[in-house]
């Protein structure tokens, strides 16, 4: 079912190193590739994702990866 008359800007924050792009109306905001091991992803990548989400000031946020839960909680407080 199509929701006529409503428009939403959808942005996915990704860490794939492929750069910014728009596909089928969805903006992909790249924070750079994941680097290092698990600890690096849980610190550096999470920090970059958090900073990007904070800068975008979204109305709704959905996190898929469990390591982003701390970032979600910080965004909720911001």
Protein backbone atom coordinates (compact mmCIF):
# COMPACT_ATOMS: atom_id res chain seq x y z
CA UNK A 1 0.00 0.00 0.00
CA UNK A 2 1.37 3.39 -0.94
CA UNK A 3 1.08 6.29 1.48
CA UNK A 4 0.06 9.14 -0.82
CA UNK A 5 0.79 12.68 0.30
CA UNK A 6 3.56 11.86 2.75
CA UNK A 7 7.24 12.12 2.13
CA UNK A 8 10.14 10.95 4.23
CA UNK A 9 13.84 11.55 3.85
CA UNK A 10 15.59 8.26 4.49
CA UNK A 11 19.29 8.12 5.25
CA UNK A 12 21.29 5.01 6.03
CA UNK A 13 24.51 5.55 7.91
CA UNK A 14 26.93 2.90 6.73
CA UNK A 15 30.56 2.01 7.36
CA UNK A 16 31.55 0.42 4.09
CA UNK A 17 34.06 2.86 2.62
CA UNK A 18 32.14 3.14 -0.66
CA UNK A 19 31.36 6.84 -0.26
CA UNK A 20 28.16 8.84 -0.39
CA UNK A 21 25.41 7.90 -2.81
CA UNK A 22 21.68 8.02 -3.36
CA UNK A 23 19.90 4.86 -4.52
CA UNK A 24 16.18 4.74 -5.17
CA UNK A 25 15.67 7.86 -3.08
CA UNK A 26 17.66 6.58 -0.10
CA UNK A 27 20.77 8.51 0.88
CA UNK A 28 23.74 6.42 2.00
CA UNK A 29 25.97 8.38 4.37
CA UNK A 30 29.32 6.60 4.59
CA UNK A 31 31.43 7.06 7.73
CA UNK A 32 34.37 5.17 6.20
CA UNK A 33 35.28 1.51 6.23
CA UNK A 34 35.33 -0.67 9.31
CA UNK A 35 38.93 -1.11 10.31
CA UNK A 36 40.70 -3.35 12.75
CA UNK A 37 39.20 -6.09 14.84
CA UNK A 38 36.06 -6.32 16.91
CA UNK A 39 37.30 -3.86 19.55
CA UNK A 40 38.06 -1.21 16.91
CA UNK A 41 34.56 -1.61 15.44
CA UNK A 42 33.03 -1.29 18.91
CA UNK A 43 34.88 1.96 19.54
CA UNK A 44 35.99 3.84 16.43
CA UNK A 45 33.24 2.84 14.03
CA UNK A 46 30.52 3.24 16.65
CA UNK A 47 31.84 6.72 17.47
CA UNK A 48 31.76 7.75 13.80
CA UNK A 49 28.21 6.41 13.38
CA UNK A 50 27.09 8.25 16.52
CA UNK A 51 28.65 11.53 15.37
CA UNK A 52 27.01 11.21 11.94
CA UNK A 53 23.59 10.48 13.46
CA UNK A 54 23.97 13.39 15.87
CA UNK A 55 24.83 15.74 13.01
CA UNK A 56 21.87 14.56 10.89
CA UNK A 57 19.40 15.19 13.75
CA UNK A 58 16.94 12.50 12.63
CA UNK A 59 13.34 12.22 13.81
CA UNK A 60 13.52 8.42 13.91
CA UNK A 61 16.55 6.18 14.36
CA UNK A 62 16.80 2.42 13.86
CA UNK A 63 19.95 0.53 14.74
CA UNK A 64 20.56 -2.93 13.34
CA UNK A 65 23.84 -3.92 14.99
CA UNK A 66 23.96 -4.67 18.74
CA UNK A 67 27.30 -2.88 19.13
CA UNK A 68 25.45 0.36 18.30
CA UNK A 69 23.21 0.16 21.38
CA UNK A 70 25.46 2.54 23.39
CA UNK A 71 25.25 5.06 20.53
CA UNK A 72 21.46 4.70 20.49
CA UNK A 73 21.26 5.40 24.21
CA UNK A 74 23.49 8.46 23.87
CA UNK A 75 21.37 9.77 20.98
CA UNK A 76 18.26 9.35 23.09
CA UNK A 77 19.80 11.63 25.71
CA UNK A 78 20.99 14.23 23.18
